[in-house]
C-alpha atoms as a PDB file:
ATOM      1  CA  MET A   1       1.113 -11.834  10.106  1.00  0.00           C
ATOM      2  CA  PRO A   2       0.365  -9.702   7.358  1.00  0.00           C
ATOM      3  CA  PRO A   3      -0.581  -6.098   7.703  1.00  0.00           C
ATOM      4  CA  VAL A   4      -4.066  -6.536   6.199  1.00  0.00           C
ATOM      5  CA  SER A   5      -5.077  -9.606   7.934  1.00  0.00           C
ATOM      6  CA  LYS A   6      -6.215  -6.781  10.331  1.00  0.00           C
ATOM      7  CA  ILE A   7      -7.671  -4.046   8.548  1.00  0.00           C
ATOM      8  CA  GLY A   8      -9.781  -6.337   5.778  1.00  0.00           C
ATOM      9  CA  ALA A   9     -12.956  -6.225   8.519  1.00  0.00           C
ATOM     10  CA  ILE A  10     -12.950  -2.113   8.355  1.00  0.00           C
ATOM     11  CA  PRO A  11     -13.447  -1.660   4.932  1.00  0.00           C
ATOM     12  CA  PHE A  12     -15.712  -4.804   4.720  1.00  0.00           C
ATOM     13  CA  ARG A  13     -17.812  -3.115   7.093  1.00  0.00           C
ATOM     14  CA  LYS A  14     -17.769   0.357   5.872  1.00  0.00           C
ATOM     15  CA  PHE A  15     -18.752  -0.822   2.003  1.00  0.00           C
ATOM     16  CA  GLY A  16     -19.639  -4.505   2.395  1.00  0.00           C
ATOM     17  CA  ASP A  17     -19.069  -6.835  -0.649  1.00  0.00           C
ATOM     18  CA  ASP A  18     -17.895  -3.507  -3.056  1.00  0.00           C
ATOM     19  CA  VAL A  19     -14.207  -4.058  -1.148  1.00  0.00           C
ATOM     20  CA  LEU A  20     -14.190  -7.891  -2.415  1.00  0.00           C
ATOM     21  CA  HIS A  21     -13.323  -6.936  -6.450  1.00  0.00           C
ATOM     22  CA  LEU A  22      -9.894  -7.680  -7.383  1.00  0.00           C
ATOM     23  CA  PRO A  23      -9.010  -3.804  -8.095  1.00  0.00           C
ATOM     24  CA  VAL A  24      -9.889  -2.936  -4.803  1.00  0.00           C
ATOM     25  CA  ARG A  25      -8.032  -5.455  -2.427  1.00  0.00           C
ATOM     26  CA  GLN A  26      -5.432  -4.770  -4.482  1.00  0.00           C
ATOM     27  CA  TRP A  27      -5.588  -0.980  -4.657  1.00  0.00           C
ATOM     28  CA  ILE A  28      -5.823  -1.590  -0.501  1.00  0.00           C
ATOM     29  CA  GLY A  29      -2.452  -3.517  -0.288  1.00  0.00           C
ATOM     30  CA  THR A  30      -0.914  -1.075  -2.391  1.00  0.00           C
ATOM     31  CA  LEU A  31      -1.657   2.054   0.096  1.00  0.00           C
ATOM     32  CA  THR A  32      -0.909  -0.858   3.039  1.00  0.00           C
ATOM     33  CA  ARG A  33       3.064  -1.284   1.391  1.00  0.00           C
ATOM     34  CA  ALA A  34       3.154   2.459   0.460  1.00  0.00           C
ATOM     35  CA  LEU A  35       2.295   3.695   4.257  1.00  0.00           C
ATOM     36  CA  LEU A  36       4.205   1.074   5.496  1.00  0.00           C
ATOM     37  CA  ALA A  37       7.805   2.232   3.280  1.00  0.00           C
ATOM     38  CA  LEU A  38       7.245   5.577   4.587  1.00  0.00           C
ATOM     39  CA  GLU A  39       7.380   4.031   7.665  1.00  0.00           C
ATOM     40  CA  GLY A  40      10.736   2.556   7.109  1.00  0.00           C
ATOM     41  CA  TYR A  41       9.568  -1.197   6.327  1.00  0.00           C
ATOM     42  CA  GLU A  42       9.828  -3.710   2.911  1.00  0.00           C
ATOM     43  CA  VAL A  43       8.036  -6.567   2.190  1.00  0.00           C
ATOM     44  CA  ASP A  44       9.673  -9.855   3.869  1.00  0.00           C
ATOM     45  CA  ASP A  45       7.511 -12.717   2.498  1.00  0.00           C
ATOM     46  CA  ARG A  46       4.599 -12.802  -0.301  1.00  0.00           C
ATOM     47  CA  GLY A  47       1.501 -14.530  -0.832  1.00  0.00           C
ATOM     48  CA  VAL A  48       1.276 -15.291   3.410  1.00  0.00           C
ATOM     49  CA  ARG A  49      -2.146 -17.121   3.414  1.00  0.00           C
ATOM     50  CA  PHE A  50      -4.706 -16.491   6.501  1.00  0.00           C
ATOM     51  CA  ALA A  51      -8.341 -16.262   6.985  1.00  0.00           C
ATOM     52  CA  ASP A  52     -10.159 -13.029   6.407  1.00  0.00           C
ATOM     53  CA  PRO A  53     -13.780 -11.814   5.108  1.00  0.00           C
ATOM     54  CA  VAL A  54     -11.831  -9.873   2.279  1.00  0.00           C
ATOM     55  CA  PHE A  55      -8.294 -10.925   2.236  1.00  0.00           C
ATOM     56  CA  LYS A  56      -7.101 -14.514   1.744  1.00  0.00           C
ATOM     57  CA  SER A  57      -3.711 -13.832   1.538  1.00  0.00           C
ATOM     58  CA  GLY A  58      -0.807 -11.031   1.937  1.00  0.00           C
ATOM     59  CA  SER A  59       2.633  -9.784   2.118  1.00  0.00           C
ATOM     60  CA  THR A  60       4.360  -9.898   5.696  1.00  0.00           C
ATOM     61  CA  TYR A  61       7.294  -6.630   6.245  1.00  0.00           C
ATOM     62  CA  ARG A  62      10.090  -5.900   8.406  1.00  0.00           C
ATOM     63  CA  ARG A  63      11.962  -2.712   9.092  1.00  0.00           C
ATOM     64  CA  VAL A  64      14.742  -1.994   7.382  1.00  0.00           C
ATOM     65  CA  GLU A  65      18.201  -1.501   9.284  1.00  0.00           C
ATOM     66  CA  GLU A  66      19.678   1.577   9.411  1.00  0.00           C
ATOM     67  CA  ASP A  67      23.357   0.793   7.353  1.00  0.00           C
ATOM     68  CA  GLU A  68      20.986  -0.693   4.542  1.00  0.00           C
ATOM     69  CA  ASP A  69      20.730   0.500   1.193  1.00  0.00           C
ATOM     70  CA  THR A  70      18.033   3.156   0.988  1.00  0.00           C
ATOM     71  CA  ASP A  71      18.014   3.680  -2.857  1.00  0.00           C
ATOM     72  CA  LEU A  72      14.163   3.060  -3.585  1.00  0.00           C
ATOM     73  CA  ASP A  73      12.545  -0.088  -4.343  1.00  0.00           C
ATOM     74  CA  PRO A  74      12.009  -0.349  -8.184  1.00  0.00           C
ATOM     75  CA  ALA A  75       8.615  -2.309  -7.867  1.00  0.00           C
ATOM     76  CA  LEU A  76       7.490   0.439  -4.792  1.00  0.00           C
ATOM     77  CA  GLU A  77       8.433   3.135  -7.218  1.00  0.00           C
ATOM     78  CA  GLU A  78       6.692   1.722 -10.150  1.00  0.00           C
ATOM     79  CA  THR A  79       3.376   0.867  -8.205  1.00  0.00           C
ATOM     80  CA  PHE A  80       3.503   4.941  -6.865  1.00  0.00           C
ATOM     81  CA  GLY A  81       3.697   5.266 -10.638  1.00  0.00           C
ATOM     82  CA  ARG A  82       0.805   3.700 -11.543  1.00  0.00           C
ATOM     83  CA  MET A  83      -1.388   5.118  -8.150  1.00  0.00           C
ATOM     84  CA  VAL A  84      -0.586   8.516  -9.450  1.00  0.00           C
ATOM     85  CA  GLU A  85      -1.239   8.212 -13.642  1.00  0.00           C
ATOM     86  CA  GLY A  86      -4.400   6.462 -12.437  1.00  0.00           C
ATOM     87  CA  LEU A  87      -5.384  10.226 -10.497  1.00  0.00           C
ATOM     88  CA  GLU A  88      -6.948  12.632 -12.802  1.00  0.00           C
ATOM     89  CA  PRO A  89      -5.437  15.710 -13.332  1.00  0.00           C
ATOM     90  CA  ARG A  90      -6.620  18.072 -10.705  1.00  0.00           C
ATOM     91  CA  GLU A  91      -5.930  15.425  -8.294  1.00  0.00           C
ATOM     92  CA  GLN A  92      -2.588  15.081  -9.669  1.00  0.00           C
ATOM     93  CA  ARG A  93      -2.054  19.012  -9.499  1.00  0.00           C
ATOM     94  CA  VAL A  94      -2.940  18.365  -5.931  1.00  0.00           C
ATOM     95  CA  LEU A  95      -0.510  15.491  -4.904  1.00  0.00           C
ATOM     96  CA  LEU A  96       2.246  17.633  -6.308  1.00  0.00           C
ATOM     97  CA  LYS A  97       1.008  20.602  -4.491  1.00  0.00           C
ATOM     98  CA  VAL A  98       1.499  18.220  -0.776  1.00  0.00           C
ATOM     99  CA  VAL A  99       4.599  17.226  -2.302  1.00  0.00           C
ATOM    100  CA  GLU A 100       6.297  20.514  -2.524  1.00  0.00           C
ATOM    101  CA  ALA A 101       4.774  21.471   0.607  1.00  0.00           C
ATOM    102  CA  ALA A 102       6.669  18.306   2.283  1.00  0.00           C
ATOM    103  CA  LEU A 103       9.813  18.972   1.040  1.00  0.00           C
ATOM    104  CA  ALA A 104       9.945  22.642   1.620  1.00  0.00           C
END
């Protein structure tokens, strides 16, 4: 079952119909994918349909095996790059500080 099927009701209760707009749903899906990638998961299947007040389909994930290639998924790298480009310059500086602190 796609992870977004378990979280769709949460933003819907808090923000109502505003979360039904396509860019908002895409943003939630992108964040879900990025968080799961950080936890060692990758997309297994796309476009899995289900019933939910916000989402109608989503991706399923599987844990990446330790011996599998550890290079960044090009789609994930592109997605993250687009997310960073969408930030205000001040927000980008904050993100840079957070990343630098995490790598130190």
